[in-house]
Amino acid sequence: YADLALLDPLVSAFVTRNHVMMVFDTLYA
């Protein structure tokens, strides 16, 4: 929906969230 301007998981943006879900994993889901 928009350019991925910021990559850091601590950025609050949907587009960054979608990126983080691809690259990283979490302890629980």
PDB file of all heavy atoms in Angstrom:
ATOM      1  N   TYR A   1       0.821  -1.213   0.000  1.00  0.00           N
ATOM      2  CA  TYR A   1       0.000   0.000   0.000  1.00  0.00           C
ATOM      3  C   TYR A   1       0.856   1.265   0.000  1.00  0.00           C
ATOM      4  O   TYR A   1       0.395   2.347  -0.392  1.00  0.00           O
ATOM      5  CB  TYR A   1      -0.955   0.007   1.200  1.00  0.00           C
ATOM      6  CG  TYR A   1      -0.306   0.355   2.528  1.00  0.00           C
ATOM      7  CD1 TYR A   1      -0.195   1.667   2.956  1.00  0.00           C
ATOM      8  CD2 TYR A   1       0.203  -0.641   3.356  1.00  0.00           C
ATOM      9  CE1 TYR A   1       0.399   1.988   4.160  1.00  0.00           C
ATOM     10  CE2 TYR A   1       0.792  -0.337   4.559  1.00  0.00           C
ATOM     11  CZ  TYR A   1       0.894   0.983   4.968  1.00  0.00           C
ATOM     12  OH  TYR A   1       1.502   1.280   6.167  1.00  0.00           O
ATOM     13  N   ALA A   2       2.110   1.156   0.450  1.00  0.00           N
ATOM     14  CA  ALA A   2       3.008   2.315   0.497  1.00  0.00           C
ATOM     15  C   ALA A   2       4.441   1.816   0.423  1.00  0.00           C
ATOM     16  O   ALA A   2       4.720   0.624   0.601  1.00  0.00           O
ATOM     17  CB  ALA A   2       2.795   3.129   1.783  1.00  0.00           C
ATOM     18  N   ASP A   3       5.357   2.741   0.198  1.00  0.00           N
ATOM     19  CA  ASP A   3       6.768   2.370   0.143  1.00  0.00           C
ATOM     20  C   ASP A   3       7.260   1.946   1.519  1.00  0.00           C
ATOM     21  O   ASP A   3       6.850   2.505   2.551  1.00  0.00           O
ATOM     22  CB  ASP A   3       7.592   3.561  -0.352  1.00  0.00           C
ATOM     23  CG  ASP A   3       9.082   3.241  -0.420  1.00  0.00           C
ATOM     24  OD1 ASP A   3       9.426   2.160  -0.940  1.00  0.00           O
ATOM     25  OD2 ASP A   3       9.880   4.063   0.045  1.00  0.00           O
ATOM     26  N   LEU A   4       8.144   0.959   1.530  1.00  0.00           N
ATOM     27  CA  LEU A   4       8.788   0.523   2.763  1.00  0.00           C
ATOM     28  C   LEU A   4       9.944   1.477   3.047  1.00  0.00           C
ATOM     29  O   LEU A   4      11.081   1.238   2.669  1.00  0.00           O
ATOM     30  CB  LEU A   4       9.281  -0.918   2.621  1.00  0.00           C
ATOM     31  CG  LEU A   4      10.033  -1.515   3.813  1.00  0.00           C
ATOM     32  CD1 LEU A   4       9.151  -1.583   5.042  1.00  0.00           C
ATOM     33  CD2 LEU A   4      10.577  -2.892   3.452  1.00  0.00           C
ATOM     34  N   ALA A   5       9.638   2.567   3.737  1.00  0.00           N
ATOM     35  CA  ALA A   5      10.645   3.605   3.968  1.00  0.00           C
ATOM     36  C   ALA A   5      11.550   3.259   5.138  1.00  0.00           C
ATOM     37  O   ALA A   5      12.724   3.620   5.144  1.00  0.00           O
ATOM     38  CB  ALA A   5       9.959   4.951   4.213  1.00  0.00           C
ATOM     39  N   LEU A   6      11.011   2.571   6.154  1.00  0.00           N
ATOM     40  CA  LEU A   6      11.758   2.269   7.369  1.00  0.00           C
ATOM     41  C   LEU A   6      11.669   0.778   7.658  1.00  0.00           C
ATOM     42  O   LEU A   6      10.584   0.182   7.593  1.00  0.00           O
ATOM     43  CB  LEU A   6      11.210   3.075   8.549  1.00  0.00           C
ATOM     44  CG  LEU A   6      11.332   4.608   8.399  1.00  0.00           C
ATOM     45  CD1 LEU A   6      10.552   5.314   9.489  1.00  0.00           C
ATOM     46  CD2 LEU A   6      12.786   5.049   8.420  1.00  0.00           C
ATOM     47  N   LEU A   7      12.800   0.163   8.001  1.00  0.00           N
ATOM     48  CA  LEU A   7      12.892  -1.286   8.141  1.00  0.00           C
ATOM     49  C   LEU A   7      12.842  -1.767   9.583  1.00  0.00           C
ATOM     50  O   LEU A   7      12.579  -2.945   9.837  1.00  0.00           O
ATOM     51  CB  LEU A   7      14.204  -1.771   7.512  1.00  0.00           C
ATOM     52  CG  LEU A   7      14.486  -1.361   6.071  1.00  0.00           C
ATOM     53  CD1 LEU A   7      15.875  -1.835   5.654  1.00  0.00           C
ATOM     54  CD2 LEU A   7      13.437  -1.920   5.128  1.00  0.00           C
ATOM     55  N   ASP A   8      13.131  -0.918  10.524  1.00  0.00           N
ATOM     56  CA  ASP A   8      13.302  -1.300  11.922  1.00  0.00           C
ATOM     57  C   ASP A   8      11.996  -1.852  12.511  1.00  0.00           C
ATOM     58  O   ASP A   8      10.936  -1.240  12.342  1.00  0.00           O
ATOM     59  CB  ASP A   8      13.727  -0.069  12.723  1.00  0.00           C
ATOM     60  CG  ASP A   8      14.271  -0.391  14.100  1.00  0.00           C
ATOM     61  OD1 ASP A   8      13.698  -1.254  14.791  1.00  0.00           O
ATOM     62  OD2 ASP A   8      15.274   0.225  14.492  1.00  0.00           O
ATOM     63  N   PRO A   9      12.049  -2.995  13.214  1.00  0.00           N
ATOM     64  CA  PRO A   9      10.836  -3.527  13.842  1.00  0.00           C
ATOM     65  C   PRO A   9      10.185  -2.590  14.851  1.00  0.00           C
ATOM     66  O   PRO A   9       9.021  -2.785  15.207  1.00  0.00           O
ATOM     67  CB  PRO A   9      11.340  -4.803  14.540  1.00  0.00           C
ATOM     68  CG  PRO A   9      12.521  -5.226  13.758  1.00  0.00           C
ATOM     69  CD  PRO A   9      13.178  -3.947  13.314  1.00  0.00           C
ATOM     70  N   LEU A  10      10.914  -1.570  15.319  1.00  0.00           N
ATOM     71  CA  LEU A  10      10.330  -0.627  16.268  1.00  0.00           C
ATOM     72  C   LEU A  10       9.600   0.520  15.594  1.00  0.00           C
ATOM     73  O   LEU A  10       9.180   1.462  16.263  1.00  0.00           O
ATOM     74  CB  LEU A  10      11.417  -0.076  17.203  1.00  0.00           C
ATOM     75  CG  LEU A  10      12.069  -1.098  18.138  1.00  0.00           C
ATOM     76  CD1 LEU A  10      12.973  -0.399  19.148  1.00  0.00           C
ATOM     77  CD2 LEU A  10      11.029  -1.947  18.867  1.00  0.00           C
ATOM     78  N   VAL A  11       9.428   0.462  14.273  1.00  0.00           N
ATOM     79  CA  VAL A  11       8.658   1.468  13.551  1.00  0.00           C
ATOM     80  C   VAL A  11       7.195   1.036  13.511  1.00  0.00           C
ATOM     81  O   VAL A  11       6.883  -0.103  13.185  1.00  0.00           O
ATOM     82  CB  VAL A  11       9.189   1.645  12.115  1.00  0.00           C
ATOM     83  CG1 VAL A  11       8.258   2.538  11.295  1.00  0.00           C
ATOM     84  CG2 VAL A  11      10.600   2.240  12.150  1.00  0.00           C
ATOM     85  N   SER A  12       6.310   1.960  13.844  1.00  0.00           N
ATOM     86  CA  SER A  12       4.881   1.641  13.856  1.00  0.00           C
ATOM     87  C   SER A  12       4.251   2.038  12.533  1.00  0.00           C
ATOM     88  O   SER A  12       3.785   3.157  12.347  1.00  0.00           O
ATOM     89  CB  SER A  12       4.190   2.377  15.011  1.00  0.00           C
ATOM     90  OG  SER A  12       2.825   2.036  15.061  1.00  0.00           O
ATOM     91  N   ALA A  13       4.264   1.118  11.573  1.00  0.00           N
ATOM     92  CA  ALA A  13       3.634   1.311  10.268  1.00  0.00           C
ATOM     93  C   ALA A  13       3.281  -0.067   9.734  1.00  0.00           C
ATOM     94  O   ALA A  13       4.061  -1.015   9.867  1.00  0.00           O
ATOM     95  CB  ALA A  13       4.569   2.046   9.313  1.00  0.00           C
ATOM     96  N   PHE A  14       2.100  -0.196   9.112  1.00  0.00           N
ATOM     97  CA  PHE A  14       1.674  -1.496   8.583  1.00  0.00           C
ATOM     98  C   PHE A  14       2.700  -2.072   7.624  1.00  0.00           C
ATOM     99  O   PHE A  14       2.987  -3.262   7.632  1.00  0.00           O
ATOM    100  CB  PHE A  14       0.341  -1.354   7.842  1.00  0.00           C
ATOM    101  CG  PHE A  14      -0.864  -1.151   8.714  1.00  0.00           C
ATOM    102  CD1 PHE A  14      -2.080  -0.771   8.162  1.00  0.00           C
ATOM    103  CD2 PHE A  14      -0.805  -1.346  10.080  1.00  0.00           C
ATOM    104  CE1 PHE A  14      -3.202  -0.585   8.948  1.00  0.00           C
ATOM    105  CE2 PHE A  14      -1.918  -1.160  10.882  1.00  0.00           C
ATOM    106  CZ  PHE A  14      -3.120  -0.778  10.308  1.00  0.00           C
ATOM    107  N   VAL A  15       3.252  -1.216   6.753  1.00  0.00           N
ATOM    108  CA  VAL A  15       4.170  -1.722   5.733  1.00  0.00           C
ATOM    109  C   VAL A  15       5.435  -2.278   6.391  1.00  0.00           C
ATOM    110  O   VAL A  15       5.978  -3.298   5.953  1.00  0.00           O
ATOM    111  CB  VAL A  15       4.492  -0.619   4.694  1.00  0.00           C
ATOM    112  CG1 VAL A  15       5.300   0.515   5.297  1.00  0.00           C
ATOM    113  CG2 VAL A  15       5.164  -1.199   3.464  1.00  0.00           C
ATOM    114  N   THR A  16       5.885  -1.651   7.474  1.00  0.00           N
ATOM    115  CA  THR A  16       7.037  -2.175   8.218  1.00  0.00           C
ATOM    116  C   THR A  16       6.661  -3.461   8.940  1.00  0.00           C
ATOM    117  O   THR A  16       7.444  -4.424   8.971  1.00  0.00           O
ATOM    118  CB  THR A  16       7.557  -1.125   9.204  1.00  0.00           C
ATOM    119  OG1 THR A  16       7.916   0.059   8.491  1.00  0.00           O
ATOM    120  CG2 THR A  16       8.770  -1.632   9.967  1.00  0.00           C
ATOM    121  N   ARG A  17       5.482  -3.499   9.505  1.00  0.00           N
ATOM    122  CA  ARG A  17       5.006  -4.722  10.160  1.00  0.00           C
ATOM    123  C   ARG A  17       5.021  -5.910   9.210  1.00  0.00           C
ATOM    124  O   ARG A  17       5.489  -7.004   9.557  1.00  0.00           O
ATOM    125  CB  ARG A  17       3.585  -4.493  10.685  1.00  0.00           C
ATOM    126  CG  ARG A  17       2.857  -5.724  11.202  1.00  0.00           C
ATOM    127  CD  ARG A  17       1.351  -5.547  11.117  1.00  0.00           C
ATOM    128  NE  ARG A  17       0.875  -5.479   9.740  1.00  0.00           N
ATOM    129  CZ  ARG A  17      -0.355  -5.129   9.397  1.00  0.00           C
ATOM    130  NH1 ARG A  17      -1.229  -4.792  10.328  1.00  0.00           N
ATOM    131  NH2 ARG A  17      -0.713  -5.109   8.121  1.00  0.00           N
ATOM    132  N   ASN A  18       4.521  -5.722   7.984  1.00  0.00           N
ATOM    133  CA  ASN A  18       4.481  -6.815   7.010  1.00  0.00           C
ATOM    134  C   ASN A  18       5.892  -7.289   6.665  1.00  0.00           C
ATOM    135  O   ASN A  18       6.133  -8.490   6.493  1.00  0.00           O
ATOM    136  CB  ASN A  18       3.761  -6.358   5.739  1.00  0.00           C
ATOM    137  CG  ASN A  18       2.310  -5.984   5.998  1.00  0.00           C
ATOM    138  OD1 ASN A  18       1.746  -6.310   7.039  1.00  0.00           O
ATOM    139  ND2 ASN A  18       1.699  -5.294   5.055  1.00  0.00           N
ATOM    140  N   HIS A  19       6.815  -6.346   6.549  1.00  0.00           N
ATOM    141  CA  HIS A  19       8.219  -6.667   6.303  1.00  0.00           C
ATOM    142  C   HIS A  19       8.812  -7.458   7.464  1.00  0.00           C
ATOM    143  O   HIS A  19       9.497  -8.468   7.262  1.00  0.00           O
ATOM    144  CB  HIS A  19       8.978  -5.350   6.072  1.00  0.00           C
ATOM    145  CG  HIS A  19      10.413  -5.358   6.437  1.00  0.00           C
ATOM    146  ND1 HIS A  19      11.399  -5.858   5.619  1.00  0.00           N
ATOM    147  CD2 HIS A  19      11.050  -4.917   7.565  1.00  0.00           C
ATOM    148  CE1 HIS A  19      12.575  -5.719   6.205  1.00  0.00           C
ATOM    149  NE2 HIS A  19      12.397  -5.154   7.378  1.00  0.00           N
ATOM    150  N   VAL A  20       8.543  -7.026   8.674  1.00  0.00           N
ATOM    151  CA  VAL A  20       9.092  -7.695   9.865  1.00  0.00           C
ATOM    152  C   VAL A  20       8.599  -9.130   9.962  1.00  0.00           C
ATOM    153  O   VAL A  20       9.361 -10.043  10.309  1.00  0.00           O
ATOM    154  CB  VAL A  20       8.730  -6.894  11.136  1.00  0.00           C
ATOM    155  CG1 VAL A  20       9.080  -7.684  12.400  1.00  0.00           C
ATOM    156  CG2 VAL A  20       9.456  -5.553  11.144  1.00  0.00           C
ATOM    157  N   MET A  21       7.337  -9.367   9.604  1.00  0.00           N
ATOM    158  CA  MET A  21       6.788 -10.715   9.680  1.00  0.00           C
ATOM    159  C   MET A  21       7.472 -11.674   8.701  1.00  0.00           C
ATOM    160  O   MET A  21       7.458 -12.881   8.901  1.00  0.00           O
ATOM    161  CB  MET A  21       5.284 -10.697   9.414  1.00  0.00           C
ATOM    162  CG  MET A  21       4.464 -10.061  10.519  1.00  0.00           C
ATOM    163  SD  MET A  21       4.554 -10.956  12.091  1.00  0.00           S
ATOM    164  CE  MET A  21       3.707 -12.472  11.677  1.00  0.00           C
ATOM    165  N   MET A  22       8.083 -11.137   7.644  1.00  0.00           N
ATOM    166  CA  MET A  22       8.802 -11.992   6.691  1.00  0.00           C
ATOM    167  C   MET A  22      10.202 -12.337   7.192  1.00  0.00           C
ATOM    168  O   MET A  22      10.659 -13.470   7.064  1.00  0.00           O
ATOM    169  CB  MET A  22       8.909 -11.292   5.334  1.00  0.00           C
ATOM    170  CG  MET A  22       7.601 -11.040   4.637  1.00  0.00           C
ATOM    171  SD  MET A  22       7.826 -10.253   3.032  1.00  0.00           S
ATOM    172  CE  MET A  22       8.460 -11.595   2.042  1.00  0.00           C
ATOM    173  N   VAL A  23      10.884 -11.343   7.743  1.00  0.00           N
ATOM    174  CA  VAL A  23      12.308 -11.461   8.029  1.00  0.00           C
ATOM    175  C   VAL A  23      12.584 -12.047   9.415  1.00  0.00           C
ATOM    176  O   VAL A  23      13.577 -12.755   9.608  1.00  0.00           O
ATOM    177  CB  VAL A  23      12.983 -10.080   7.892  1.00  0.00           C
ATOM    178  CG1 VAL A  23      14.448 -10.121   8.303  1.00  0.00           C
ATOM    179  CG2 VAL A  23      12.835  -9.564   6.466  1.00  0.00           C
ATOM    180  N   PHE A  24      11.707 -11.782  10.358  1.00  0.00           N
ATOM    181  CA  PHE A  24      11.961 -12.148  11.748  1.00  0.00           C
ATOM    182  C   PHE A  24      10.974 -13.210  12.233  1.00  0.00           C
ATOM    183  O   PHE A  24       9.948 -13.464  11.602  1.00  0.00           O
ATOM    184  CB  PHE A  24      11.870 -10.913  12.643  1.00  0.00           C
ATOM    185  CG  PHE A  24      12.892  -9.863  12.330  1.00  0.00           C
ATOM    186  CD1 PHE A  24      12.619  -8.845  11.431  1.00  0.00           C
ATOM    187  CD2 PHE A  24      14.145  -9.890  12.922  1.00  0.00           C
ATOM    188  CE1 PHE A  24      13.565  -7.870  11.131  1.00  0.00           C
ATOM    189  CE2 PHE A  24      15.106  -8.924  12.632  1.00  0.00           C
ATOM    190  CZ  PHE A  24      14.808  -7.912  11.734  1.00  0.00           C
ATOM    191  N   ASP A  25      11.320 -13.793  13.359  1.00  0.00           N
ATOM    192  CA  ASP A  25      10.419 -14.722  14.027  1.00  0.00           C
ATOM    193  C   ASP A  25      10.214 -14.258  15.459  1.00  0.00           C
ATOM    194  O   ASP A  25      10.961 -13.400  15.964  1.00  0.00           O
ATOM    195  CB  ASP A  25      10.993 -16.147  13.996  1.00  0.00           C
ATOM    196  CG  ASP A  25       9.918 -17.200  13.726  1.00  0.00           C
ATOM    197  OD1 ASP A  25       8.726 -16.893  13.954  1.00  0.00           O
ATOM    198  OD2 ASP A  25      10.263 -18.305  13.294  1.00  0.00           O
ATOM    199  N   THR A  26       9.219 -14.802  16.125  1.00  0.00           N
ATOM    200  CA  THR A  26       8.901 -14.442  17.501  1.00  0.00           C
ATOM    201  C   THR A  26       8.841 -15.699  18.364  1.00  0.00           C
ATOM    202  O   THR A  26       8.680 -16.813  17.858  1.00  0.00           O
ATOM    203  CB  THR A  26       7.557 -13.696  17.576  1.00  0.00           C
ATOM    204  OG1 THR A  26       6.545 -14.475  16.915  1.00  0.00           O
ATOM    205  CG2 THR A  26       7.642 -12.339  16.909  1.00  0.00           C
ATOM    206  N   LEU A  27       8.951 -15.518  19.663  1.00  0.00           N
ATOM    207  CA  LEU A  27       8.963 -16.665  20.575  1.00  0.00           C
ATOM    208  C   LEU A  27       7.625 -17.388  20.567  1.00  0.00           C
ATOM    209  O   LEU A  27       7.570 -18.626  20.615  1.00  0.00           O
ATOM    210  CB  LEU A  27       9.317 -16.207  21.986  1.00  0.00           C
ATOM    211  CG  LEU A  27      10.719 -15.634  22.168  1.00  0.00           C
ATOM    212  CD1 LEU A  27      10.900 -15.098  23.578  1.00  0.00           C
ATOM    213  CD2 LEU A  27      11.780 -16.672  21.850  1.00  0.00           C
ATOM    214  N   TYR A  28       6.553 -16.625  20.546  1.00  0.00           N
ATOM    215  CA  TYR A  28       5.196 -17.173  20.461  1.00  0.00           C
ATOM    216  C   TYR A  28       4.512 -16.552  19.250  1.00  0.00           C
ATOM    217  O   TYR A  28       4.960 -15.530  18.710  1.00  0.00           O
ATOM    218  CB  TYR A  28       4.389 -16.859  21.725  1.00  0.00           C
ATOM    219  CG  TYR A  28       4.823 -17.621  22.953  1.00  0.00           C
ATOM    220  CD1 TYR A  28       5.899 -17.180  23.722  1.00  0.00           C
ATOM    221  CD2 TYR A  28       4.161 -18.782  23.351  1.00  0.00           C
ATOM    222  CE1 TYR A  28       6.313 -17.876  24.852  1.00  0.00           C
ATOM    223  CE2 TYR A  28       4.561 -19.481  24.483  1.00  0.00           C
ATOM    224  CZ  TYR A  28       5.633 -19.023  25.222  1.00  0.00           C
ATOM    225  OH  TYR A  28       6.038 -19.722  26.338  1.00  0.00           O
ATOM    226  N   ALA A  29       3.401 -17.143  18.831  1.00  0.00           N
ATOM    227  CA  ALA A  29       2.643 -16.626  17.690  1.00  0.00           C
ATOM    228  C   ALA A  29       1.161 -16.843  17.943  1.00  0.00           C
ATOM    229  O   ALA A  29       0.764 -17.853  18.549  1.00  0.00           O
ATOM    230  CB  ALA A  29       3.072 -17.314  16.397  1.00  0.00           C
TER     231      ALA A  29
END
